[in-house]
Amino acid sequence: MRILLGPDGSPALGSELDDAQLREAYAAPPDRAWLRVNFVATLDGAVTGDDGRSGSINTEADGRVFRMLRDLADVVVVGAGTVRAEQYPVLRDEDPQAPPFVVVSHAGELPPTIAAMTSPPGSALLVTRAQADTAALGRARDVLGDEHVVIAGDEAVDLAIMRKQLEDRGFRDILSEGGPTLFGCMLEAGIVDEVDLSWAPRIVGGTHQRIVRAGDLTLDLDPTVLVEEDGTVMGRWFVRR
């Protein structure tokens, strides 16, 4: 994987990065909590292939960055709709060293793959609202434990409260993997610090979703890192404050 753009002190542009150098290039600032969102998209902007899942547009290079970002993260946050569509498991069900997994759900209902978790308590959390369905909240508490069901907001999930509660639990490097609706809500809430995007060298056409589903908004970002491998281009952009 070769570096095309990097901050001061980075390896020479065009040089190959080993795993340690790639981790350093993507490391979050050490002096504050940080929330980043990671997506892969095709050259024509689609975030899924014909099967409606992102796995069909992933590349080996994108997978390398995807796994590395999870390794760096203290916690991974995903919207319930994306959990269902992508059939996410609780990450620690497959890797005991993986970070805790947070599902954000307006309804308060655990997706089936999360309700079937086999890893220890604390491996998964649910973030929802106070007015979520009472029966659904009860089922979630039975599976996850009371302390792992996080109420953030009353009529709607307040993502600023969610971020604060995650930070209060010691999660400083927060990684979200979407989907587009959750990402749009995070942008509108002003809680995103960084966007990581991989462009797969592929065009799929059709009417696939983009990385953001939201109303009109304007947000400026600054590129900090750009790397490339086998035609896949991956980058980091910091939200301009």
Protein backbone atom coordinates (compact mmCIF):
# COMPACT_ATOMS: atom_id res chain seq x y z
CA MET A 1 0.00 0.00 0.00
CA ARG A 2 1.61 3.26 -1.10
CA ILE A 3 1.08 6.67 0.43
CA LEU A 4 -0.11 9.50 -1.83
CA LEU A 5 -0.77 12.17 0.82
CA GLY A 6 0.20 12.38 4.46
CA PRO A 7 0.89 14.81 7.30
CA ASP A 8 4.34 16.15 8.11
CA GLY A 9 6.67 13.36 9.15
CA SER A 10 4.99 10.74 6.97
CA PRO A 11 7.05 8.39 4.79
CA ALA A 12 8.03 9.77 1.39
CA LEU A 13 5.08 10.07 -0.98
CA GLY A 14 4.83 7.02 -3.21
CA SER A 15 6.61 4.76 -0.74
CA GLU A 16 5.10 1.50 0.51
CA LEU A 17 3.62 1.40 4.02
CA ASP A 18 4.01 -1.58 6.31
CA ASP A 19 1.30 -2.39 8.87
CA ALA A 20 2.87 -0.26 11.61
CA GLN A 21 3.17 2.76 9.31
CA LEU A 22 -0.43 2.34 8.16
CA ARG A 23 -1.64 2.27 11.77
CA GLU A 24 0.36 5.41 12.49
CA ALA A 25 -1.11 7.13 9.43
CA TYR A 26 -4.65 6.38 10.66
CA ALA A 27 -4.13 6.88 14.41
CA ALA A 28 -6.65 9.15 16.12
CA PRO A 29 -5.37 12.27 17.90
CA PRO A 30 -4.10 11.15 21.33
CA ASP A 31 -5.26 14.22 23.25
CA ARG A 32 -9.05 13.94 22.84
CA ALA A 33 -11.94 11.60 22.17
CA TRP A 34 -12.52 11.05 18.45
CA LEU A 35 -15.42 9.78 16.33
CA ARG A 36 -14.81 8.61 12.79
CA VAL A 37 -17.04 7.02 10.19
CA ASN A 38 -15.77 4.48 7.67
CA PHE A 39 -17.35 3.61 4.31
CA VAL A 40 -16.46 1.93 1.05
CA ALA A 41 -18.03 3.15 -2.20
CA THR A 42 -17.71 2.51 -5.91
CA LEU A 43 -16.42 5.14 -8.31
CA ASP A 44 -20.02 6.08 -9.14
CA GLY A 45 -20.86 6.54 -5.45
CA ALA A 46 -22.71 3.33 -4.56
CA VAL A 47 -22.22 1.90 -1.07
CA THR A 48 -23.59 -1.54 -1.98
CA GLY A 49 -23.52 -3.92 -4.90
CA ASP A 50 -26.47 -5.62 -6.56
CA ASP A 51 -27.05 -7.77 -3.47
CA GLY A 52 -27.70 -4.68 -1.33
CA ARG A 53 -24.63 -5.30 0.83
CA SER A 54 -21.27 -3.57 1.00
CA GLY A 55 -19.38 -6.85 0.99
CA SER A 56 -19.94 -7.22 -2.74
CA ILE A 57 -17.93 -4.04 -3.47
CA ASN A 58 -15.16 -4.58 -0.91
CA THR A 59 -11.61 -5.12 -2.11
CA GLU A 60 -8.64 -6.74 -0.40
CA ALA A 61 -7.02 -3.33 0.14
CA ASP A 62 -10.19 -1.85 1.62
CA GLY A 63 -10.45 -4.88 3.88
CA ARG A 64 -6.96 -4.21 5.19
CA VAL A 65 -7.90 -0.67 6.25
CA PHE A 66 -11.30 -1.85 7.53
CA ARG A 67 -9.67 -4.40 9.86
CA MET A 68 -7.00 -1.95 10.97
CA LEU A 69 -9.60 0.68 11.92
CA ARG A 70 -11.42 -1.90 14.03
CA ASP A 71 -8.14 -2.80 15.71
CA LEU A 72 -7.59 0.87 16.58
CA ALA A 73 -11.15 1.44 17.83
CA ASP A 74 -12.37 1.25 21.41
CA VAL A 75 -15.92 0.61 20.21
CA VAL A 76 -17.78 0.10 16.89
CA VAL A 77 -21.16 1.81 16.34
CA VAL A 78 -23.65 0.72 13.64
CA GLY A 79 -27.28 1.54 12.93
CA ALA A 80 -29.81 -1.25 13.44
CA GLY A 81 -30.94 -1.19 9.81
CA THR A 82 -27.40 -1.75 8.58
CA VAL A 83 -26.88 -4.50 11.15
CA ARG A 84 -29.89 -6.30 9.69
CA ALA A 85 -28.97 -5.67 6.04
CA GLU A 86 -25.34 -6.70 6.46
CA GLN A 87 -26.15 -9.42 9.03
CA TYR A 88 -23.57 -8.12 11.48
CA PRO A 89 -22.79 -10.43 14.38
CA VAL A 90 -21.57 -9.25 17.76
CA LEU A 91 -17.90 -8.79 16.91
CA ARG A 92 -16.65 -10.68 19.96
CA ASP A 93 -18.70 -13.72 18.95
CA GLU A 94 -16.11 -14.17 16.19
CA ASP A 95 -13.04 -12.55 17.78
CA PRO A 96 -12.71 -12.26 21.58
CA GLN A 97 -10.22 -9.41 21.10
CA ALA A 98 -12.63 -7.30 19.03
CA PRO A 99 -14.03 -4.04 20.44
CA PRO A 100 -17.54 -3.87 21.91
CA PHE A 101 -20.33 -3.44 19.37
CA VAL A 102 -22.99 -0.74 19.70
CA VAL A 103 -26.33 -0.91 17.88
CA VAL A 104 -28.30 2.33 17.49
CA SER A 105 -32.04 1.70 17.23
CA HIS A 106 -34.96 4.14 17.28
CA ALA A 107 -37.36 1.27 17.95
CA GLY A 108 -35.24 -0.31 20.68
CA GLU A 109 -35.39 -3.72 19.00
CA LEU A 110 -32.26 -5.87 18.85
CA PRO A 111 -31.54 -7.29 15.37
CA PRO A 112 -31.66 -11.11 15.37
CA THR A 113 -27.89 -11.53 14.94
CA ILE A 114 -27.31 -9.42 18.07
CA ALA A 115 -30.07 -11.08 20.08
CA ALA A 116 -28.32 -14.40 19.40
CA MET A 117 -25.00 -13.22 20.88
CA THR A 118 -22.85 -15.81 22.65
CA SER A 119 -20.05 -13.56 23.93
CA PRO A 120 -19.86 -12.24 27.53
CA PRO A 121 -21.94 -9.30 28.84
CA GLY A 122 -20.53 -5.97 27.71
CA SER A 123 -19.68 -7.28 24.24
CA ALA A 124 -22.70 -5.46 22.80
CA LEU A 125 -24.69 -2.38 23.77
CA LEU A 126 -27.95 -0.94 22.53
CA VAL A 127 -28.45 2.82 22.22
CA THR A 128 -32.07 3.87 21.96
CA ARG A 129 -34.62 6.42 23.23
CA ALA A 130 -36.78 6.55 26.33
CA GLN A 131 -39.99 6.21 24.30
CA ALA A 132 -38.88 3.05 22.50
CA ASP A 133 -41.20 0.05 22.65
CA THR A 134 -41.36 -1.20 26.24
CA ALA A 135 -41.46 -4.87 25.29
CA ALA A 136 -38.49 -4.45 22.94
CA LEU A 137 -36.49 -2.71 25.68
CA GLY A 138 -37.30 -5.55 28.05
CA ARG A 139 -36.05 -8.13 25.57
CA ALA A 140 -32.87 -6.11 24.98
CA ARG A 141 -32.18 -5.86 28.71
CA ASP A 142 -32.71 -9.61 29.08
CA VAL A 143 -30.06 -10.28 26.41
CA LEU A 144 -27.55 -7.51 27.09
CA GLY A 145 -28.07 -6.64 30.76
CA ASP A 146 -29.61 -3.43 32.09
CA GLU A 147 -26.32 -1.53 32.16
CA HIS A 148 -25.73 -2.20 28.46
CA VAL A 149 -28.98 -0.62 27.25
CA VAL A 150 -28.20 3.08 26.88
CA ILE A 151 -31.05 5.61 26.82
CA ALA A 152 -29.98 8.69 24.86
CA GLY A 153 -32.88 11.06 24.36
CA ASP A 154 -36.63 10.91 24.89
CA GLU A 155 -38.66 11.05 21.67
CA ALA A 156 -35.65 10.45 19.40
CA VAL A 157 -32.14 9.11 19.84
CA ASP A 158 -29.91 12.08 20.68
CA LEU A 159 -26.56 11.22 19.14
CA ALA A 160 -24.69 13.93 21.03
CA ILE A 161 -25.87 12.32 24.27
CA MET A 162 -24.89 8.92 22.86
CA ARG A 163 -21.36 10.10 22.16
CA LYS A 164 -21.03 11.61 25.63
CA GLN A 165 -22.26 8.41 27.27
CA LEU A 166 -19.83 6.29 25.26
CA GLU A 167 -16.97 8.61 26.22
CA ASP A 168 -18.04 8.39 29.87
CA ARG A 169 -17.66 4.61 29.58
CA GLY A 170 -14.05 5.08 28.49
CA PHE A 171 -14.55 4.72 24.73
CA ARG A 172 -12.32 7.44 23.25
CA ASP A 173 -11.67 6.11 19.73
CA ILE A 174 -15.21 5.63 18.40
CA LEU A 175 -15.62 4.02 14.97
CA SER A 176 -18.94 4.01 13.13
CA GLU A 177 -19.53 1.82 10.09
CA GLY A 178 -22.79 3.50 9.14
CA GLY A 179 -25.10 3.02 7.54
CA PRO A 180 -26.04 6.07 5.48
CA THR A 181 -29.00 7.06 7.68
CA LEU A 182 -27.01 6.95 10.91
CA PHE A 183 -24.14 8.80 9.23
CA GLY A 184 -26.50 11.53 8.06
CA CYS A 185 -27.92 11.91 11.56
CA MET A 186 -24.41 12.05 13.02
CA LEU A 187 -23.45 14.81 10.59
CA GLU A 188 -26.59 16.76 11.45
CA ALA A 189 -25.79 16.34 15.16
CA GLY A 190 -22.27 17.68 14.62
CA ILE A 191 -20.52 14.76 16.32
CA VAL A 192 -18.33 13.47 13.46
CA ASP A 193 -14.62 14.31 13.57
CA GLU A 194 -13.37 12.25 10.64
CA VAL A 195 -14.62 10.50 7.51
CA ASP A 196 -12.69 7.53 6.13
CA LEU A 197 -13.65 6.54 2.61
CA SER A 198 -12.39 3.80 0.31
CA TRP A 199 -13.08 4.01 -3.43
CA ALA A 200 -13.33 0.59 -5.02
CA PRO A 201 -12.27 0.63 -8.70
CA ARG A 202 -15.71 -0.42 -9.88
CA ILE A 203 -18.89 1.08 -11.36
CA VAL A 204 -22.27 -0.53 -10.65
CA GLY A 205 -24.85 1.92 -12.04
CA GLY A 206 -28.41 1.57 -10.79
CA THR A 207 -29.94 3.58 -7.96
CA HIS A 208 -27.82 2.46 -5.03
CA GLN A 209 -27.50 4.51 -1.85
CA ARG A 210 -24.69 6.98 -1.31
CA ILE A 211 -22.73 7.15 1.94
CA VAL A 212 -25.08 9.81 3.40
CA ARG A 213 -28.85 9.77 3.66
CA ALA A 214 -29.92 13.15 5.03
CA GLY A 215 -31.53 16.44 4.17
CA ASP A 216 -29.53 19.21 2.56
CA LEU A 217 -26.37 20.03 4.49
CA THR A 218 -22.99 21.57 3.76
CA LEU A 219 -19.89 20.40 5.57
CA ASP A 220 -16.28 21.13 4.67
CA LEU A 221 -13.53 18.59 5.32
CA ASP A 222 -9.75 18.60 4.96
CA PRO A 223 -7.85 15.63 3.48
CA THR A 224 -5.07 14.31 5.73
CA VAL A 225 -4.13 10.88 4.36
CA LEU A 226 -4.48 9.22 0.96
CA VAL A 227 -3.21 5.71 0.18
CA GLU A 228 -3.61 3.33 -2.78
CA GLU A 229 -3.30 -0.38 -3.44
CA ASP A 230 -4.29 -2.32 -6.57
CA GLY A 231 -6.54 0.49 -7.77
CA THR A 232 -8.40 1.02 -4.48
CA VAL A 233 -7.88 4.53 -3.11
CA MET A 234 -8.46 5.13 0.60
CA GLY A 235 -8.39 8.38 2.53
CA ARG A 236 -8.97 10.26 5.77
CA TRP A 237 -10.78 13.59 5.89
CA PHE A 238 -11.07 15.69 9.06
CA VAL A 239 -14.22 17.74 9.56
CA ARG A 240 -13.30 21.40 9.47
CA ARG A 241 -14.16 23.14 12.75
